[in-house]
Every structure is written in structure tokens, then in C-alpha cells.
């Protein structure tokens, strides 16, 4: 695999996102598009919809990849990259609508299935097998195309949207997630997967300094949903779906804790006391609150670092199981 175009995609995505974030912050504050930072004293207002910069970096850099093939013959499967662009763009549109008008949870949970149709179209002529740890290849046949791909996009985008709400959490975990995805794509010589991973990695790393504690901007649903959609798209195209499942283990654990508590829309955050966060009302309703409780109170910055380390361990496991390292 020629790494030079992959590096170009990464740098382009980084540059677009890094330049776009300050503009979005300024426009969001001027228009009142803000959200409360509920884990801070006084709950200050912070600019929302920073995910526009993330999505802009991804779309812009992948369009560069299309140009590289069109004018310079860079070899990759154009249909798969166009399908990825369309799927991520549809998910971003869903997230934008939700940020602006607040979509019903039930609708938001199933609507991403429609965004998977471009991936279904390009996968219909490809492999329907999934590599399972310690088992090997298992062929799901037609169910892979009509069921697993739509479910994969829907589940991944909703999972990354649920484990959120703390400064640097989504972008930090996402950066680790896509760094691992990029490494796996290179080890497996999957150019298309590498292009998607590099575009999202660059965008997230550019966004992270603005989102790190104390955050100047939130990614919003447009950013959070797109992270999961891009991961699902990358591993489906790279035929490493099981590796993708390992990368969202923390999100799955958070899902089950929240499911047990009826998917709370409030009081999932922490109560700030003497610089540390504790579960609201002393009840654990999420994985983040479980961490707060386990540490007997923890600062927001350290809480996020715990999650980034946990994601790093998942990344190492995925690379160990699927990396084919020599």
C-alpha cells in the first residue's frame, strides 16, 4: 500500500477541521446554538454542533481521494468510497436535524438503517463472511447484506452517540478507535478502509484541542453519530466487522447500564463537589457514573482519560486478534 495518499488524506482532513472549528464556535455563539456544560459549576453555555467541522474534514478529504483517483490514477474501489461518503453524509444530516429540532429517540434509533443502503449496494457483490475470534470465517449469506449491515451502521452510530457528554470524551475515544482502525487497514492492505480511517482520525485530532477540558465546543449529535457511522462503514468495507465490535466494547457496556435504568435523558451526568464528579443523586445510571462511583469521585479530566485508556486497551485487543502482525 502506498502510504503517501493516506497521509495526504489525513493532513487534509486535519486542516479542514482545524480551520473550521473556530468559525463554527463563533457562529454558534452568535446564533445562540449552545448547550449547557452540565458537569461544570454554574453550567456554562458552550458552542454546539462542532461536529460540522469533523464531518467537513471527512467529506473534504475523501473528495480529495476521489480526485486522486480521477486525475492521478490512485488505485482504490471508487464505488466503496462513494458509498462511505453517502452513508456518513446521511448520518450527519440526521444528526444535524436532531441538533436543531430534537428528533424523537425511537426515530433516531432506527433512521440510520436507511443510511446503510449505499453500503448494502456495494456489499451485495462482495463477501458475506465475517471473521470471528477463535472460530474463523463464518458466512452469513443474504442476512449479512439485508440485516447485519443496516444493523451495524445503526447500532454503531447510536452507541457512540450515547456514551458522550464529557469534555474530550467522544473525540478522544474516537481518535484511539480510528488510529486502531487505520493500523488494521494498513496491516490488511485495505486501501478503502485506510482512507476512511485516516479522514476521521485527522478530523478528530483537529477537533480535540477545542473540545478538551474545559471545552469550547461540543460535537453534538452530528459529530457523535458520524463517529459510529464512519467506524461501521470502515470495518464493513474492510471486512473487519468483529474488530469494530471490539472497539465499541465500552459503548456496549454503557448501553446495557443505561438500558437497565430506562435510558435516562437526565441525571446521567455528575454532581460536582470539591472538583470531583459523583453520580447524580448517588445512583449509577451510566458507565461514566459507575467510574465516578468506583473512584469515590473523580475529576472530569481524569474520567475522560480513564475512558481513553479503556478504549486503548480495546484497540490493542483488536490489533492483537486481527492485526496479522509478524
Protein backbone atom coordinates (compact mmCIF):
# COMPACT_ATOMS: atom_id res chain seq x y z
CA UNK A 1 0.00 0.00 0.00
CA UNK A 2 1.23 3.48 -0.93
CA UNK A 3 1.03 5.48 2.29
CA UNK A 4 1.58 8.90 0.74
CA UNK A 5 -2.06 9.40 -0.36
CA UNK A 6 -3.24 8.12 3.05
CA UNK A 7 -1.05 10.74 4.74
CA UNK A 8 -2.41 13.39 2.36
CA UNK A 9 -5.99 12.45 3.28
CA UNK A 10 -5.14 12.62 7.00
CA UNK A 11 -3.49 16.04 6.72
CA UNK A 12 -6.28 17.44 4.56
CA UNK A 13 -8.95 16.31 7.00
CA UNK A 14 -6.96 17.72 9.92
CA UNK A 15 -6.51 21.08 8.20
CA UNK A 16 -10.16 21.45 7.17
CA UNK A 17 -11.45 20.60 10.63
CA UNK A 18 -8.88 22.66 12.49
CA UNK A 19 -9.69 25.75 10.43
CA UNK A 20 -13.45 25.18 10.58
CA UNK A 21 -13.86 24.75 14.34
CA UNK A 22 -13.16 28.40 15.35
CA UNK A 23 -15.60 29.59 12.69
CA UNK A 24 -18.30 27.22 13.94
CA UNK A 25 -17.69 28.27 17.56
CA UNK A 26 -18.08 31.95 16.63
CA UNK A 27 -21.20 31.37 14.53
CA UNK A 28 -22.79 29.05 17.12
CA UNK A 29 -22.29 31.52 19.97
CA UNK A 30 -23.62 34.40 17.86
CA UNK A 31 -26.76 32.47 16.92
CA UNK A 32 -27.41 31.01 20.36
CA UNK A 33 -26.65 27.45 19.25
CA UNK A 34 -25.23 26.42 22.62
CA UNK A 35 -25.56 23.68 25.21
CA UNK A 36 -25.03 23.62 28.97
CA UNK A 37 -21.82 22.04 30.21
CA UNK A 38 -23.67 20.20 32.98
CA UNK A 39 -20.53 18.90 34.69
CA UNK A 40 -19.21 22.39 35.46
CA UNK A 41 -20.05 24.78 38.26
CA UNK A 42 -22.70 27.17 37.02
CA UNK A 43 -23.34 25.01 33.94
CA UNK A 44 -21.77 27.43 31.41
CA UNK A 45 -23.05 27.67 27.85
CA UNK A 46 -20.76 26.09 25.23
CA UNK A 47 -21.00 26.22 21.44
CA UNK A 48 -22.78 23.22 19.91
CA UNK A 49 -22.64 21.41 16.56
CA UNK A 50 -18.85 21.33 16.37
CA UNK A 51 -19.31 18.01 14.62
CA UNK A 52 -19.88 20.02 11.45
CA UNK A 53 -16.11 20.55 11.37
CA UNK A 54 -15.49 16.82 11.84
CA UNK A 55 -17.86 15.86 9.04
CA UNK A 56 -16.48 18.63 6.84
CA UNK A 57 -12.97 17.29 7.27
CA UNK A 58 -14.05 13.75 6.45
CA UNK A 59 -16.07 14.70 3.38
CA UNK A 60 -13.46 17.13 2.08
CA UNK A 61 -10.58 14.69 2.45
CA UNK A 62 -12.48 11.79 0.90
CA UNK A 63 -13.37 14.02 -2.05
CA UNK A 64 -9.63 14.58 -2.38
CA UNK A 65 -9.23 10.80 -2.57
CA UNK A 66 -11.77 10.74 -5.39
CA UNK A 67 -9.77 13.44 -7.18
CA UNK A 68 -6.54 11.49 -6.69
CA UNK A 69 -8.04 8.53 -8.49
CA UNK A 70 -9.75 10.58 -11.18
CA UNK A 71 -6.72 12.67 -12.17
CA UNK A 72 -3.74 10.65 -10.96
CA UNK A 73 -4.97 7.06 -11.08
CA UNK A 74 -4.57 6.31 -7.37
CA UNK A 75 -5.88 2.72 -7.09
CA UNK A 76 -8.87 2.00 -4.87
CA UNK A 77 -12.50 0.93 -5.28
CA UNK A 78 -14.25 4.19 -6.07
CA UNK A 79 -17.75 2.78 -5.51
CA UNK A 80 -16.91 1.88 -1.90
CA UNK A 81 -15.55 5.33 -1.10
CA UNK A 82 -18.59 6.98 -2.68
CA UNK A 83 -20.85 4.66 -0.66
CA UNK A 84 -18.96 5.61 2.50
CA UNK A 85 -19.32 9.30 1.68
CA UNK A 86 -23.05 8.93 1.14
CA UNK A 87 -23.64 6.90 4.31
CA UNK A 88 -21.65 9.29 6.52
CA UNK A 89 -23.34 12.30 4.92
CA UNK A 90 -26.83 10.88 5.55
CA UNK A 91 -25.96 10.15 9.18
CA UNK A 92 -24.58 13.70 9.51
CA UNK A 93 -27.86 15.06 8.11
CA UNK A 94 -29.78 13.06 10.72
CA UNK A 95 -27.53 14.41 13.44
CA UNK A 96 -27.92 17.97 12.18
CA UNK A 97 -31.71 17.70 12.27
CA UNK A 98 -31.57 16.27 15.79
CA UNK A 99 -29.27 19.06 16.99
CA UNK A 100 -31.57 21.71 15.55
CA UNK A 101 -35.03 20.28 16.20
CA UNK A 102 -34.59 17.34 18.63
CA UNK A 103 -35.68 14.12 16.94
CA UNK A 104 -37.69 11.50 18.84
CA UNK A 105 -35.37 8.87 20.34
CA UNK A 106 -37.21 5.97 18.71
CA UNK A 107 -36.90 7.57 15.28
CA UNK A 108 -33.23 8.39 15.77
CA UNK A 109 -32.59 4.78 16.80
CA UNK A 110 -33.85 3.26 13.54
CA UNK A 111 -33.41 6.00 10.92
CA UNK A 112 -29.68 5.25 10.37
CA UNK A 113 -30.76 1.96 8.75
CA UNK A 114 -31.70 3.96 5.67
CA UNK A 115 -28.22 5.47 5.62
CA UNK A 116 -26.78 1.97 5.24
CA UNK A 117 -28.35 1.42 1.82
CA UNK A 118 -25.26 2.63 -0.12
CA UNK A 119 -23.14 0.10 1.81
CA UNK A 120 -25.72 -2.61 1.13
CA UNK A 121 -25.50 -1.83 -2.59
CA UNK A 122 -21.69 -2.14 -2.79
CA UNK A 123 -21.56 -5.13 -0.43
CA UNK A 124 -24.07 -7.16 -2.41
CA UNK A 125 -21.30 -8.11 -4.83
CA UNK A 126 -18.70 -8.69 -2.12
CA UNK A 127 -18.02 -11.13 0.70
CA UNK A 128 -20.76 -12.04 3.16
CA UNK A 129 -18.33 -13.65 5.60
CA UNK A 130 -17.32 -12.28 8.99
CA UNK A 131 -14.12 -13.29 10.76
CA UNK A 132 -14.90 -14.38 14.32
CA UNK A 133 -12.19 -14.69 17.01
CA UNK A 134 -11.01 -18.28 17.59
CA UNK A 135 -13.66 -19.54 15.14
CA UNK A 136 -12.59 -18.25 11.75
CA UNK A 137 -14.70 -17.17 8.80
CA UNK A 138 -18.47 -17.56 9.07
CA UNK A 139 -20.72 -16.92 6.09
CA UNK A 140 -23.97 -15.14 6.99
CA UNK A 141 -25.20 -15.17 3.40
CA UNK A 142 -28.02 -12.85 2.44
CA UNK A 143 -28.61 -11.94 6.10
CA UNK A 144 -25.29 -10.11 6.13
CA UNK A 145 -26.47 -7.81 3.36
CA UNK A 146 -30.09 -7.18 4.32
CA UNK A 147 -29.77 -7.33 8.11
CA UNK A 148 -26.25 -7.09 9.54
CA UNK A 149 -25.04 -4.11 7.51
CA UNK A 150 -28.06 -1.88 8.37
CA UNK A 151 -27.89 -3.02 11.99
CA UNK A 152 -24.17 -2.39 12.13
CA UNK A 153 -24.49 1.22 10.97
CA UNK A 154 -27.49 1.86 13.23
CA UNK A 155 -26.02 0.27 16.34
CA UNK A 156 -22.56 1.82 15.95
CA UNK A 157 -23.87 5.36 15.37
CA UNK A 158 -26.27 5.17 18.31
CA UNK A 159 -23.66 3.66 20.63
CA UNK A 160 -21.15 6.45 20.02
CA UNK A 161 -23.94 8.99 20.48
CA UNK A 162 -24.92 7.54 23.87
CA UNK A 163 -21.51 7.42 25.55
CA UNK A 164 -20.99 11.18 25.46
CA UNK A 165 -21.34 14.40 27.39
CA UNK A 166 -17.91 14.90 28.97
CA UNK A 167 -15.21 17.22 27.64
CA UNK A 168 -12.99 15.37 25.16
CA UNK A 169 -14.68 12.00 25.63
CA UNK A 170 -16.17 11.39 22.20
CA UNK A 171 -13.29 12.87 20.20
CA UNK A 172 -10.64 11.28 22.44
CA UNK A 173 -12.10 7.78 22.31
CA UNK A 174 -12.86 8.22 18.62
CA UNK A 175 -9.26 9.18 17.85
CA UNK A 176 -7.99 5.99 19.53
CA UNK A 177 -10.65 3.98 17.75
CA UNK A 178 -9.69 5.24 14.30
CA UNK A 179 -5.96 5.02 14.98
CA UNK A 180 -6.51 1.31 15.58
CA UNK A 181 -8.72 1.07 12.50
CA UNK A 182 -6.02 2.74 10.40
CA UNK A 183 -3.35 0.34 11.70
CA UNK A 184 -5.58 -2.65 10.94
CA UNK A 185 -6.33 -1.36 7.45
CA UNK A 186 -2.62 -1.00 6.68
CA UNK A 187 -1.83 -4.46 8.03
CA UNK A 188 -4.62 -5.91 5.88
CA UNK A 189 -3.75 -3.77 2.83
CA UNK A 190 -7.29 -2.38 2.72
CA UNK A 191 -6.88 0.98 0.99
CA UNK A 192 -10.54 1.94 1.19
CA UNK A 193 -10.68 1.24 4.93
CA UNK A 194 -7.46 3.22 5.40
CA UNK A 195 -8.87 6.24 3.57
CA UNK A 196 -11.97 6.34 5.78
CA UNK A 197 -9.98 5.80 8.98
CA UNK A 198 -7.38 8.44 8.08
CA UNK A 199 -10.05 11.01 7.22
CA UNK A 200 -11.88 10.56 10.53
CA UNK A 201 -8.66 10.35 12.57
CA UNK A 202 -7.40 13.64 11.15
CA UNK A 203 -10.73 15.39 11.79
CA UNK A 204 -10.99 14.15 15.38
CA UNK A 205 -7.41 15.08 16.27
CA UNK A 206 -8.03 18.59 14.91
CA UNK A 207 -11.28 18.90 16.85
CA UNK A 208 -9.96 17.50 20.15
CA UNK A 209 -7.97 20.58 21.36
CA UNK A 210 -11.14 22.69 21.14
CA UNK A 211 -13.23 20.01 22.85
CA UNK A 212 -10.72 19.14 25.59
CA UNK A 213 -11.34 20.27 29.15
CA UNK A 214 -12.54 22.98 29.51
CA UNK A 215 -14.42 22.55 26.24
CA UNK A 216 -15.03 25.48 23.93
CA UNK A 217 -17.30 23.42 21.67
CA UNK A 218 -19.36 20.23 21.77
CA UNK A 219 -19.53 17.80 18.82
CA UNK A 220 -23.32 17.49 19.07
CA UNK A 221 -25.29 14.60 17.64
CA UNK A 222 -23.92 15.37 14.18
CA UNK A 223 -20.42 14.55 15.43
CA UNK A 224 -21.29 11.68 17.76
CA UNK A 225 -23.49 9.83 15.27
CA UNK A 226 -20.95 10.31 12.48
CA UNK A 227 -18.14 8.74 14.52
CA UNK A 228 -20.05 5.48 14.85
CA UNK A 229 -21.25 5.58 11.26
CA UNK A 230 -17.71 6.06 9.96
CA UNK A 231 -16.44 3.19 12.11
CA UNK A 232 -19.16 0.86 10.85
CA UNK A 233 -18.53 1.95 7.28
CA UNK A 234 -14.78 1.39 7.56
CA UNK A 235 -14.93 -2.09 9.10
CA UNK A 236 -17.72 -3.24 6.79
CA UNK A 237 -15.76 -2.16 3.71
CA UNK A 238 -12.57 -3.65 5.19
CA UNK A 239 -14.39 -6.87 6.17
CA UNK A 240 -13.21 -6.49 9.79
CA UNK A 241 -16.59 -6.18 11.45
CA UNK A 242 -15.59 -8.19 14.52
CA UNK A 243 -12.66 -5.86 15.14
CA UNK A 244 -15.11 -2.97 15.04
CA UNK A 245 -17.25 -4.74 17.63
CA UNK A 246 -14.25 -4.95 19.97
CA UNK A 247 -13.59 -1.23 19.56
CA UNK A 248 -17.07 -0.34 20.86
CA UNK A 249 -16.97 -2.59 23.95
CA UNK A 250 -17.06 0.39 26.37
CA UNK A 251 -20.03 1.78 24.47
CA UNK A 252 -21.84 -1.56 24.67
CA UNK A 253 -21.31 -1.75 28.44
CA UNK A 254 -22.65 1.79 28.76
CA UNK A 255 -25.67 0.80 26.66
CA UNK A 256 -26.63 -2.06 28.96
CA UNK A 257 -26.23 0.03 32.11
CA UNK A 258 -28.44 2.74 30.63
CA UNK A 259 -30.93 0.16 29.34
CA UNK A 260 -31.26 -1.22 32.87
CA UNK A 261 -32.10 2.32 34.01
CA UNK A 262 -34.59 3.02 31.23
CA UNK A 263 -32.23 5.06 29.05
CA UNK A 264 -32.24 8.19 31.23
CA UNK A 265 -32.36 11.51 29.38
CA UNK A 266 -31.40 13.44 32.51
CA UNK A 267 -29.17 12.96 35.55
CA UNK A 268 -26.67 10.85 33.60
CA UNK A 269 -24.04 13.46 34.45
CA UNK A 270 -22.03 14.03 37.61
CA UNK A 271 -22.57 16.20 40.63
CA UNK A 272 -19.55 18.45 41.09
CA UNK A 273 -18.26 18.58 44.65
CA UNK A 274 -14.81 19.93 45.53
CA UNK A 275 -13.58 19.48 41.96
CA UNK A 276 -14.76 15.87 41.62
CA UNK A 277 -17.76 14.32 39.91
CA UNK A 278 -20.09 11.94 41.73
CA UNK A 279 -23.17 10.09 40.38
CA UNK A 280 -26.20 12.39 40.39
CA UNK A 281 -28.33 11.65 43.45
CA UNK A 282 -25.92 8.83 44.29
CA UNK A 283 -27.40 6.48 41.65
CA UNK A 284 -25.39 4.81 38.87
CA UNK A 285 -27.25 5.24 35.58
CA UNK A 286 -24.34 5.03 33.11
CA UNK A 287 -20.84 3.68 32.71
CA UNK A 288 -19.44 7.15 33.42
CA UNK A 289 -21.27 7.23 36.75
CA UNK A 290 -20.02 3.73 37.51
CA UNK A 291 -16.46 5.03 37.08
CA UNK A 292 -17.26 8.01 39.30
CA UNK A 293 -18.59 5.68 41.98
CA UNK A 294 -15.67 3.24 41.66
CA UNK A 295 -13.13 6.02 42.21
CA UNK A 296 -15.09 7.59 45.03
CA UNK A 297 -15.35 10.75 42.97
CA UNK A 298 -13.15 11.76 40.05
CA UNK A 299 -12.38 14.94 38.11
CA UNK A 300 -13.89 15.25 34.65
CA UNK A 301 -10.48 15.30 33.00
CA UNK A 302 -9.39 12.10 34.75
CA UNK A 303 -12.74 10.47 34.00
CA UNK A 304 -12.20 11.09 30.29
CA UNK A 305 -8.64 9.77 30.50
CA UNK A 306 -9.97 6.55 32.08
CA UNK A 307 -12.25 6.06 29.10
CA UNK A 308 -9.49 6.84 26.60
CA UNK A 309 -7.23 4.28 28.29
CA UNK A 310 -10.07 1.74 28.24
CA UNK A 311 -10.56 2.40 24.52
CA UNK A 312 -6.81 1.99 24.05
CA UNK A 313 -6.96 -1.46 25.65
CA UNK A 314 -9.80 -2.41 23.31
CA UNK A 315 -7.72 -1.12 20.39
CA UNK A 316 -4.75 -3.26 21.43
CA UNK A 317 -7.02 -6.30 21.72
CA UNK A 318 -8.45 -5.70 18.25
CA UNK A 319 -4.98 -5.32 16.75
CA UNK A 320 -3.76 -8.43 18.58
CA UNK A 321 -6.66 -10.55 17.33
CA UNK A 322 -6.94 -9.14 13.80
CA UNK A 323 -3.64 -7.43 13.05
CA UNK A 324 -1.80 -10.37 11.48
CA UNK A 325 1.36 -8.97 12.99
CA UNK A 326 4.57 -10.75 12.05
